[in-house]
Amino acid sequence: MINFEELIKSLILPLVAYPNDVEIQKLGDNEDNLDFKVLVNPDDLGRVIGKGGSTAKAIRTVLYAGASKEGKRIHLDIEGK
């Protein structure tokens, strides 16, 4: 079974300048759906989202692939603190 919190952390931490400010909150977990919220320092928000949302889209693609392997769907929100 994939630990999605660790996977999200491993994808986000290399991108940020303030890794101690990164918080990953698990909002929901039922049989079919997983919901996560990532809070980052406002100065890091642009790095994590990327130009036109390209970095956030790539992060979500990796998460979707892992979730589909487990027969689940995943939703990820990225916000500044």
Protein backbone atom coordinates (compact mmCIF):
# COMPACT_ATOMS: atom_id res chain seq x y z
CA MET A 1 0.00 0.00 0.00
CA ILE A 2 1.28 3.44 -0.94
CA ASN A 3 1.82 6.00 1.83
CA PHE A 4 0.46 9.05 0.00
CA GLU A 5 1.56 11.53 2.68
CA GLU A 6 5.18 10.42 2.25
CA LEU A 7 4.81 10.47 -1.55
CA ILE A 8 3.45 14.04 -1.48
CA LYS A 9 6.23 15.09 0.88
CA SER A 10 8.90 13.57 -1.38
CA LEU A 11 7.47 15.47 -4.36
CA ILE A 12 6.99 18.85 -2.63
CA LEU A 13 10.04 19.22 -0.35
CA PRO A 14 12.69 19.42 -3.12
CA LEU A 15 10.78 22.33 -4.67
CA VAL A 16 10.50 24.63 -1.65
CA ALA A 17 12.92 27.04 0.00
CA TYR A 18 11.20 26.68 3.39
CA PRO A 19 10.72 22.93 3.94
CA ASN A 20 9.90 23.38 7.64
CA ASP A 21 6.76 25.32 6.65
CA VAL A 22 5.30 22.48 4.59
CA GLU A 23 2.20 20.88 6.12
CA ILE A 24 0.33 17.96 4.62
CA GLN A 25 -3.20 17.47 5.91
CA LYS A 26 -5.30 14.42 5.19
CA LEU A 27 -8.83 15.75 4.84
CA GLY A 28 -10.66 12.59 3.92
CA ASP A 29 -10.12 8.91 3.34
CA ASN A 30 -12.88 6.54 2.43
CA GLU A 31 -12.90 3.40 0.34
CA ASP A 32 -12.66 5.19 -3.00
CA ASN A 33 -11.40 8.74 -2.40
CA LEU A 34 -8.43 10.42 -0.72
CA ASP A 35 -8.33 14.18 -0.07
CA PHE A 36 -5.16 16.05 0.86
CA LYS A 37 -4.27 19.68 1.43
CA VAL A 38 -0.69 20.92 1.23
CA LEU A 39 0.14 24.19 2.96
CA VAL A 40 3.39 25.90 2.00
CA ASN A 41 5.07 29.19 2.77
CA PRO A 42 3.55 31.92 0.55
CA ASP A 43 7.01 32.52 -0.95
CA ASP A 44 7.08 28.88 -2.10
CA LEU A 45 3.59 28.78 -3.58
CA GLY A 46 4.77 29.81 -7.05
CA ARG A 47 7.50 27.17 -7.03
CA VAL A 48 5.07 24.40 -6.13
CA ILE A 49 2.35 25.46 -8.57
CA GLY A 50 4.71 26.35 -11.41
CA LYS A 51 4.14 28.46 -14.50
CA GLY A 52 0.59 27.94 -15.65
CA GLY A 53 0.14 25.24 -13.00
CA SER A 54 2.55 22.89 -14.76
CA THR A 55 4.37 21.70 -11.64
CA ALA A 56 1.15 21.15 -9.69
CA LYS A 57 -0.27 19.24 -12.65
CA ALA A 58 2.81 16.99 -12.75
CA ILE A 59 2.56 16.32 -9.00
CA ARG A 60 -1.11 15.43 -9.35
CA THR A 61 -0.37 13.14 -12.31
CA VAL A 62 2.06 11.11 -10.19
CA LEU A 63 -0.48 10.94 -7.36
CA TYR A 64 -3.31 9.94 -9.73
CA ALA A 65 -1.16 7.12 -11.09
CA GLY A 66 -0.43 5.80 -7.60
CA ALA A 67 -4.05 6.11 -6.51
CA SER A 68 -5.40 4.38 -9.59
CA LYS A 69 -3.01 1.49 -8.92
CA GLU A 70 -4.76 1.14 -5.55
CA GLY A 71 -8.23 1.54 -7.08
CA LYS A 72 -8.76 4.97 -5.52
CA ARG A 73 -9.12 8.57 -6.61
CA ILE A 74 -7.07 11.36 -5.05
CA HIS A 75 -7.63 15.10 -4.76
CA LEU A 76 -4.83 17.52 -3.84
CA ASP A 77 -5.19 21.19 -2.89
CA ILE A 78 -2.09 23.37 -2.67
CA GLU A 79 -2.35 26.59 -0.66
CA GLY A 80 -0.17 29.20 1.00
CA LYS A 81 -0.22 29.50 4.79
